[in-house]
Protein backbone atom coordinates (compact mmCIF):
# COMPACT_ATOMS: atom_id res chain seq x y z
CA MET A 1 203.69 71.23 90.17
CA LYS A 2 201.81 72.11 93.22
CA MET A 3 200.25 75.00 91.17
CA LEU A 4 199.11 72.14 88.51
CA ILE A 5 197.58 70.00 90.86
CA SER A 6 195.78 72.84 93.02
CA LEU A 7 194.19 73.96 89.41
CA VAL A 8 193.21 70.33 88.48
CA LEU A 9 191.46 70.00 91.94
CA LEU A 10 190.03 73.35 91.73
CA ILE A 11 188.29 72.39 88.20
CA PHE A 12 187.32 69.04 89.53
CA VAL A 13 185.50 70.70 92.68
CA PHE A 14 183.97 73.14 90.36
CA SER A 15 182.66 70.70 87.88
CA SER A 16 181.33 68.15 90.69
CA CYS A 17 179.06 71.45 92.33
CA GLN A 18 177.50 71.75 88.51
CA GLN A 19 173.89 70.92 88.51
CA ALA A 20 172.76 68.31 86.23
CA PRO A 21 171.55 70.10 83.01
CA LYS A 22 167.87 69.75 83.05
CA GLN A 23 165.93 67.54 80.74
CA GLU A 24 164.57 69.52 77.76
CA SER A 25 160.93 69.25 77.61
CA ARG A 26 160.76 69.32 73.89
CA SER A 27 162.63 66.00 73.58
CA ILE A 28 159.41 64.37 74.47
CA TRP A 29 157.51 65.75 71.83
CA LYS A 30 157.39 64.53 68.15
CA PRO A 31 156.21 66.49 65.34
CA TYR A 32 152.65 66.92 64.30
CA SER A 33 151.66 64.51 61.82
CA LYS A 34 148.49 62.99 59.97
CA GLN A 35 150.70 59.78 59.97
CA ALA A 36 151.74 60.10 63.62
CA ILE A 37 147.98 59.90 64.61
CA ALA A 38 147.08 57.29 62.36
CA ASP A 39 149.75 55.09 63.66
CA SER A 40 148.72 55.61 67.09
CA ILE A 41 145.11 55.07 66.47
CA ALA A 42 146.16 51.83 64.90
CA HIS A 43 148.16 51.06 67.97
CA HIS A 44 145.49 51.93 70.28
CA LYS A 45 147.53 54.69 71.82
CA PRO A 46 146.00 58.04 72.92
CA VAL A 47 147.51 61.33 71.44
CA VAL A 48 148.38 64.44 72.93
CA ILE A 49 148.73 67.24 70.83
CA ASP A 50 150.43 70.81 71.98
CA PHE A 51 149.66 73.86 69.72
CA PHE A 52 152.57 76.22 70.36
CA ALA A 53 154.29 79.17 68.60
CA GLU A 54 158.03 80.26 69.01
CA TRP A 55 157.08 83.51 69.41
CA CYS A 56 154.50 82.83 72.29
CA PRO A 57 155.70 83.13 75.94
CA ASN A 58 153.11 81.24 77.37
CA CYS A 59 154.18 78.42 75.64
CA HIS A 60 158.00 78.71 76.82
CA GLU A 61 156.65 79.47 80.44
CA LEU A 62 154.47 75.99 79.93
CA ASP A 63 157.56 73.89 78.65
CA ARG A 64 159.31 75.66 81.67
CA THR A 65 156.76 75.17 84.32
CA VAL A 66 154.82 71.91 83.60
CA PHE A 67 156.22 69.69 80.33
CA SER A 68 159.71 69.63 82.07
CA LEU A 69 158.52 68.24 85.13
CA PRO A 70 159.46 64.39 85.70
CA GLN A 71 155.64 63.47 86.93
CA VAL A 72 154.41 64.82 83.80
CA GLN A 73 157.17 63.54 81.25
CA ALA A 74 156.35 60.31 82.84
CA LYS A 75 152.84 60.56 81.63
CA LEU A 76 153.57 61.93 78.22
CA ALA A 77 156.23 59.12 77.64
CA GLN A 78 152.83 56.31 77.44
CA VAL A 79 151.33 58.53 74.82
CA THR A 80 151.81 59.78 71.36
CA ALA A 81 153.04 62.99 72.34
CA LEU A 82 152.72 65.61 69.47
CA ARG A 83 153.70 69.33 68.90
CA MET A 84 151.88 71.48 66.34
CA ASP A 85 154.22 74.25 65.44
CA ALA A 86 152.03 77.22 64.92
CA THR A 87 154.66 79.72 64.60
CA ASN A 88 153.49 80.71 61.07
CA GLN A 89 150.29 81.06 60.93
CA ASP A 90 150.12 82.53 57.61
CA ASP A 91 150.82 79.19 56.26
CA SER A 92 148.00 77.60 54.67
CA GLU A 93 148.88 73.78 56.15
CA VAL A 94 149.06 75.61 59.52
CA GLN A 95 146.05 77.28 59.42
CA LYS A 96 144.12 74.12 57.87
CA ILE A 97 145.37 72.35 60.88
CA ILE A 98 144.21 74.84 63.53
CA GLN A 99 140.76 75.02 61.81
CA GLU A 100 140.54 71.31 61.90
CA TYR A 101 140.98 71.29 65.43
CA GLY A 102 139.15 74.63 66.38
CA VAL A 103 142.42 75.58 67.95
CA GLU A 104 141.75 79.94 68.91
CA GLY A 105 145.60 80.09 70.22
CA VAL A 106 148.50 79.26 71.73
CA PRO A 107 149.33 77.41 73.95
CA THR A 108 146.52 74.85 73.35
CA VAL A 109 146.98 70.99 74.49
CA ILE A 110 144.41 68.84 73.18
CA PHE A 111 144.22 65.34 74.32
CA LEU A 112 142.83 62.34 71.65
CA ASP A 113 141.51 58.90 72.79
CA SER A 114 142.94 55.88 71.45
CA LYS A 115 140.37 56.10 68.36
CA GLY A 116 141.48 59.36 67.87
CA GLN A 117 138.54 61.13 69.40
CA GLU A 118 138.96 64.63 71.51
CA VAL A 119 137.90 63.74 75.01
CA LYS A 120 135.37 66.24 75.81
CA ASP A 121 136.14 68.85 78.18
CA SER A 122 139.79 67.99 78.57
CA ARG A 123 141.28 70.73 76.22
CA VAL A 124 143.92 72.98 78.23
CA ILE A 125 143.82 76.49 76.80
CA GLY A 126 146.56 79.12 78.04
CA LEU A 127 149.17 78.80 80.88
CA VAL A 128 148.31 76.17 83.69
CA THR A 129 149.88 74.85 86.55
CA PRO A 130 151.00 71.16 86.71
CA GLU A 131 148.19 69.96 88.63
CA GLU A 132 145.78 71.42 86.11
CA PHE A 133 147.50 69.81 83.22
CA LEU A 134 147.77 66.49 85.23
CA GLN A 135 144.17 66.83 85.64
CA ALA A 136 143.19 67.44 82.07
CA PHE A 137 145.60 64.40 81.32
CA ALA A 138 144.22 61.78 83.51
CA MET A 139 140.75 62.73 81.45
CA LEU A 140 142.40 59.91 78.97
CA LYS A 141 141.56 57.43 81.26
CA ILE A 142 144.73 55.28 80.44
CA PHE A 143 146.04 54.90 83.97
CA LYS A 144 144.52 52.28 85.92
């Protein structure tokens, strides 16, 4: 009986010492679609589009070091956050969307105002710091 109690206590101690799992940054993103952009424009809501690829190490690093931060997630929660999967760049639909936005590589993050127009000089290309991302995000001018 003592052994059982000791085992239960040990399990309790170990389970209470575990850190809460990090919120997965992917959960803030919705899949890219023209309809999602149209809906955002209809509701006068800005859009952030993250062009990423599964094979891209900098895309995963951006997820880990920028998009997973609570202050970044709080900002993205106030806009329509879309993720364009450019993993298969041979796909004609992917090529069409990449060309439409003039994306030359991943990761690239594009900021659209509430009318669907790209915010001038706000594009984020490559791996950036959280501060650089938030500075680009602030160009949306949706926060008073």
